[in-house]
């Protein structure tokens, strides 16, 4: 990686600690067998595996490969972390009492790990690749420059009367005797 030595060691150390922490949390008390069918659990473990590959000091393949492959691995890990946090948030929204604490812990760990990967991308000269993290975020939208456009098709009929035409509709429903329902006098 093209990062200064001190920052590289610090970021890599924090990332390795976070990977180990999530792995330990996922395997303690046989959680992996209990939560293996939950999507947030699977996505989180996959994201940590990708991040671990990026920061594995004993990975000679990553050390030998070119800058393009390194940045692709980092971007892939960052996208996987983002998806994992989204799935953890969705699990929190489901409000299941048995997964709330685990989801909050996973979100905290995955967020710190995402910060490490983002820092590595920035320190490694990957600021030019940041639009690749969220492809739709920096896309040039010609429609946005023009401002809001009216919807296609004929314009809606003009509302007459007050309250968006409610009074007009009531007048139409009223019967000649002043009884809007036609049921007789009010109770």
Foldseek 3Di string as FASTA:
>chain_A
DQFPPVLLVVLLVLLVVLLVVLVCVCPPPNNCVVCVVQPLSVLLNVLSVLLCQLSPPPNVVLVPDDPVVSVVSLLVSLLSLVVSLVSLVVVVVVVDPVCNVVSVSSNVSSVSNSVSSVVCCVRNVNPVVVCVSPVVPPDDDPVVVVPDDDDDDDDDDDADDPPRVPVVVQVVQADPVRDSVPPDDDD
